[in-house]
């Protein structure tokens, strides 16, 4: 296990905890994807209401619309990025050393798998019904 910094190191303003640019990018990415998810919520509510009571043909017709499919794909991408970053924050708070590295790898793998599967499902509906 890696050692945590002592309280003396934490109080020292010259102590650095990793790459500042990466931390800033992570912070901005989390805020931007969160804001986009709020905007996409209106679309998602419309989408769910439109599908209420629809049969499979109606659902395919709505999802096969290129505008709806693109917005749905963008929604999935922003949600997956936001999910990965949020879980990364939790993992960094609770795991140290090798467990941290393995948990971050598992988090990234899960996020990529979820994104690929959902985007493939959207593509299947758009191109093959």
C-alpha atoms as a PDB file:
ATOM      1  CA  UNK A   1       0.000   0.000   0.000  1.00  0.00           C
ATOM      2  CA  UNK A   2       1.182   3.504  -0.696  1.00  0.00           C
ATOM      3  CA  UNK A   3       1.593   5.830   2.209  1.00  0.00           C
ATOM      4  CA  UNK A   4      -0.742   8.763   2.625  1.00  0.00           C
ATOM      5  CA  UNK A   5       0.848  12.184   2.965  1.00  0.00           C
ATOM      6  CA  UNK A   6       1.450  13.317   6.512  1.00  0.00           C
ATOM      7  CA  UNK A   7      -0.356  16.312   7.937  1.00  0.00           C
ATOM      8  CA  UNK A   8       2.877  18.305   7.623  1.00  0.00           C
ATOM      9  CA  UNK A   9       2.965  17.627   3.873  1.00  0.00           C
ATOM     10  CA  UNK A  10      -0.701  18.529   3.512  1.00  0.00           C
ATOM     11  CA  UNK A  11      -0.189  21.865   5.274  1.00  0.00           C
ATOM     12  CA  UNK A  12       2.742  22.709   3.013  1.00  0.00           C
ATOM     13  CA  UNK A  13       1.367  24.777   0.087  1.00  0.00           C
ATOM     14  CA  UNK A  14       4.198  23.584  -2.156  1.00  0.00           C
ATOM     15  CA  UNK A  15       3.112  19.929  -1.884  1.00  0.00           C
ATOM     16  CA  UNK A  16       1.780  18.601  -5.197  1.00  0.00           C
ATOM     17  CA  UNK A  17      -0.728  15.762  -5.572  1.00  0.00           C
ATOM     18  CA  UNK A  18      -0.429  14.668  -9.172  1.00  0.00           C
ATOM     19  CA  UNK A  19      -0.810  16.438 -12.459  1.00  0.00           C
ATOM     20  CA  UNK A  20      -2.573  19.807 -12.132  1.00  0.00           C
ATOM     21  CA  UNK A  21      -3.636  19.841 -15.798  1.00  0.00           C
ATOM     22  CA  UNK A  22      -5.236  16.415 -15.530  1.00  0.00           C
ATOM     23  CA  UNK A  23      -7.077  17.463 -12.369  1.00  0.00           C
ATOM     24  CA  UNK A  24      -8.371  20.620 -14.047  1.00  0.00           C
ATOM     25  CA  UNK A  25      -9.463  18.637 -17.103  1.00  0.00           C
ATOM     26  CA  UNK A  26     -11.256  16.152 -14.838  1.00  0.00           C
ATOM     27  CA  UNK A  27     -12.982  18.994 -12.951  1.00  0.00           C
ATOM     28  CA  UNK A  28     -14.114  20.749 -16.127  1.00  0.00           C
ATOM     29  CA  UNK A  29     -15.218  17.494 -17.779  1.00  0.00           C
ATOM     30  CA  UNK A  30     -17.320  16.575 -14.755  1.00  0.00           C
ATOM     31  CA  UNK A  31     -19.037  20.006 -14.737  1.00  0.00           C
ATOM     32  CA  UNK A  32     -19.622  20.124 -18.502  1.00  0.00           C
ATOM     33  CA  UNK A  33     -21.043  16.589 -18.687  1.00  0.00           C
ATOM     34  CA  UNK A  34     -23.233  17.333 -15.664  1.00  0.00           C
ATOM     35  CA  UNK A  35     -24.616  20.466 -17.351  1.00  0.00           C
ATOM     36  CA  UNK A  36     -25.168  18.579 -20.614  1.00  0.00           C
ATOM     37  CA  UNK A  37     -26.986  15.823 -18.735  1.00  0.00           C
ATOM     38  CA  UNK A  38     -29.356  18.439 -17.310  1.00  0.00           C
ATOM     39  CA  UNK A  39     -30.038  19.734 -20.832  1.00  0.00           C
ATOM     40  CA  UNK A  40     -30.501  16.203 -22.164  1.00  0.00           C
ATOM     41  CA  UNK A  41     -33.020  15.464 -19.407  1.00  0.00           C
ATOM     42  CA  UNK A  42     -35.679  17.434 -21.331  1.00  0.00           C
ATOM     43  CA  UNK A  43     -35.001  15.318 -24.408  1.00  0.00           C
ATOM     44  CA  UNK A  44     -35.066  12.128 -22.365  1.00  0.00           C
ATOM     45  CA  UNK A  45     -38.430  13.029 -20.794  1.00  0.00           C
ATOM     46  CA  UNK A  46     -39.867  13.697 -24.269  1.00  0.00           C
ATOM     47  CA  UNK A  47     -38.365  10.428 -25.509  1.00  0.00           C
ATOM     48  CA  UNK A  48     -39.865   8.342 -22.702  1.00  0.00           C
ATOM     49  CA  UNK A  49     -43.277  10.012 -23.008  1.00  0.00           C
ATOM     50  CA  UNK A  50     -43.237   9.462 -26.793  1.00  0.00           C
ATOM     51  CA  UNK A  51     -42.528   5.775 -26.303  1.00  0.00           C
ATOM     52  CA  UNK A  52     -45.230   5.293 -23.654  1.00  0.00           C
ATOM     53  CA  UNK A  53     -47.801   2.869 -25.030  1.00  0.00           C
ATOM     54  CA  UNK A  54     -46.017   2.530 -28.378  1.00  0.00           C
ATOM     55  CA  UNK A  55     -45.532  -0.852 -29.955  1.00  0.00           C
ATOM     56  CA  UNK A  56     -42.151  -2.029 -31.248  1.00  0.00           C
ATOM     57  CA  UNK A  57     -42.714  -0.569 -34.715  1.00  0.00           C
ATOM     58  CA  UNK A  58     -43.482   2.840 -33.210  1.00  0.00           C
ATOM     59  CA  UNK A  59     -40.400   2.656 -31.015  1.00  0.00           C
ATOM     60  CA  UNK A  60     -38.198   1.724 -33.955  1.00  0.00           C
ATOM     61  CA  UNK A  61     -39.669   4.571 -35.996  1.00  0.00           C
ATOM     62  CA  UNK A  62     -38.861   7.114 -33.280  1.00  0.00           C
ATOM     63  CA  UNK A  63     -35.327   5.820 -32.617  1.00  0.00           C
ATOM     64  CA  UNK A  64     -34.566   5.422 -36.341  1.00  0.00           C
ATOM     65  CA  UNK A  65     -35.076   9.156 -36.865  1.00  0.00           C
ATOM     66  CA  UNK A  66     -31.509  10.456 -37.440  1.00  0.00           C
ATOM     67  CA  UNK A  67     -31.949  13.501 -35.186  1.00  0.00           C
ATOM     68  CA  UNK A  68     -33.308  11.391 -32.324  1.00  0.00           C
ATOM     69  CA  UNK A  69     -30.588   8.758 -32.788  1.00  0.00           C
ATOM     70  CA  UNK A  70     -27.783  11.342 -32.741  1.00  0.00           C
ATOM     71  CA  UNK A  71     -29.156  13.084 -29.659  1.00  0.00           C
ATOM     72  CA  UNK A  72     -29.659   9.716 -27.951  1.00  0.00           C
ATOM     73  CA  UNK A  73     -26.067   8.708 -28.794  1.00  0.00           C
ATOM     74  CA  UNK A  74     -24.722  12.023 -27.460  1.00  0.00           C
ATOM     75  CA  UNK A  75     -26.769  11.522 -24.301  1.00  0.00           C
ATOM     76  CA  UNK A  76     -25.247   8.086 -23.795  1.00  0.00           C
ATOM     77  CA  UNK A  77     -21.713   9.376 -24.362  1.00  0.00           C
ATOM     78  CA  UNK A  78     -22.093  12.218 -21.843  1.00  0.00           C
ATOM     79  CA  UNK A  79     -23.708   9.940 -19.252  1.00  0.00           C
ATOM     80  CA  UNK A  80     -20.937   7.336 -19.608  1.00  0.00           C
ATOM     81  CA  UNK A  81     -18.181   9.965 -19.301  1.00  0.00           C
ATOM     82  CA  UNK A  82     -19.905  11.505 -16.272  1.00  0.00           C
ATOM     83  CA  UNK A  83     -20.380   8.054 -14.722  1.00  0.00           C
ATOM     84  CA  UNK A  84     -16.704   7.170 -15.215  1.00  0.00           C
ATOM     85  CA  UNK A  85     -15.490  10.433 -13.693  1.00  0.00           C
ATOM     86  CA  UNK A  86     -17.848  10.212 -10.727  1.00  0.00           C
ATOM     87  CA  UNK A  87     -16.861   6.644  -9.951  1.00  0.00           C
ATOM     88  CA  UNK A  88     -13.209   7.629 -10.322  1.00  0.00           C
ATOM     89  CA  UNK A  89     -13.675  10.215  -7.555  1.00  0.00           C
ATOM     90  CA  UNK A  90     -15.214   7.595  -5.275  1.00  0.00           C
ATOM     91  CA  UNK A  91     -12.493   5.035  -6.069  1.00  0.00           C
ATOM     92  CA  UNK A  92      -9.709   7.547  -5.387  1.00  0.00           C
ATOM     93  CA  UNK A  93     -11.278   8.368  -2.008  1.00  0.00           C
ATOM     94  CA  UNK A  94     -11.614   4.777  -0.799  1.00  0.00           C
ATOM     95  CA  UNK A  95      -8.839   2.714  -2.411  1.00  0.00           C
ATOM     96  CA  UNK A  96      -5.042   2.936  -2.196  1.00  0.00           C
ATOM     97  CA  UNK A  97      -2.155   1.364  -4.053  1.00  0.00           C
ATOM     98  CA  UNK A  98      -2.776  -1.655  -6.248  1.00  0.00           C
ATOM     99  CA  UNK A  99      -6.467  -1.827  -5.331  1.00  0.00           C
ATOM    100  CA  UNK A 100      -6.870   1.748  -6.594  1.00  0.00           C
ATOM    101  CA  UNK A 101      -5.235   0.900  -9.911  1.00  0.00           C
ATOM    102  CA  UNK A 102      -7.307  -2.255 -10.386  1.00  0.00           C
ATOM    103  CA  UNK A 103     -10.538  -0.467  -9.464  1.00  0.00           C
ATOM    104  CA  UNK A 104      -9.782   2.346 -11.926  1.00  0.00           C
ATOM    105  CA  UNK A 105      -9.119  -0.206 -14.672  1.00  0.00           C
ATOM    106  CA  UNK A 106     -12.392  -1.976 -13.857  1.00  0.00           C
ATOM    107  CA  UNK A 107     -14.229   1.366 -13.830  1.00  0.00           C
ATOM    108  CA  UNK A 108     -12.874   2.368 -17.222  1.00  0.00           C
ATOM    109  CA  UNK A 109     -13.583  -1.090 -18.663  1.00  0.00           C
ATOM    110  CA  UNK A 110     -17.162  -1.060 -17.406  1.00  0.00           C
ATOM    111  CA  UNK A 111     -17.743   2.444 -18.763  1.00  0.00           C
ATOM    112  CA  UNK A 112     -16.368   1.539 -22.193  1.00  0.00           C
ATOM    113  CA  UNK A 113     -18.423  -1.679 -22.297  1.00  0.00           C
ATOM    114  CA  UNK A 114     -21.644   0.113 -21.344  1.00  0.00           C
ATOM    115  CA  UNK A 115     -21.016   2.834 -23.932  1.00  0.00           C
ATOM    116  CA  UNK A 116     -20.185   0.389 -26.725  1.00  0.00           C
ATOM    117  CA  UNK A 117     -23.158  -1.885 -26.024  1.00  0.00           C
ATOM    118  CA  UNK A 118     -25.686   0.953 -25.873  1.00  0.00           C
ATOM    119  CA  UNK A 119     -24.279   2.716 -28.957  1.00  0.00           C
ATOM    120  CA  UNK A 120     -24.313  -0.612 -30.826  1.00  0.00           C
ATOM    121  CA  UNK A 121     -27.956  -1.101 -29.829  1.00  0.00           C
ATOM    122  CA  UNK A 122     -28.834   2.366 -31.138  1.00  0.00           C
ATOM    123  CA  UNK A 123     -26.921   1.681 -34.371  1.00  0.00           C
ATOM    124  CA  UNK A 124     -28.703  -1.648 -34.812  1.00  0.00           C
ATOM    125  CA  UNK A 125     -32.108   0.007 -34.474  1.00  0.00           C
ATOM    126  CA  UNK A 126     -31.149   2.881 -36.801  1.00  0.00           C
ATOM    127  CA  UNK A 127     -29.621   0.746 -39.566  1.00  0.00           C
ATOM    128  CA  UNK A 128     -31.412  -2.578 -39.307  1.00  0.00           C
ATOM    129  CA  UNK A 129     -34.636  -1.833 -37.402  1.00  0.00           C
END
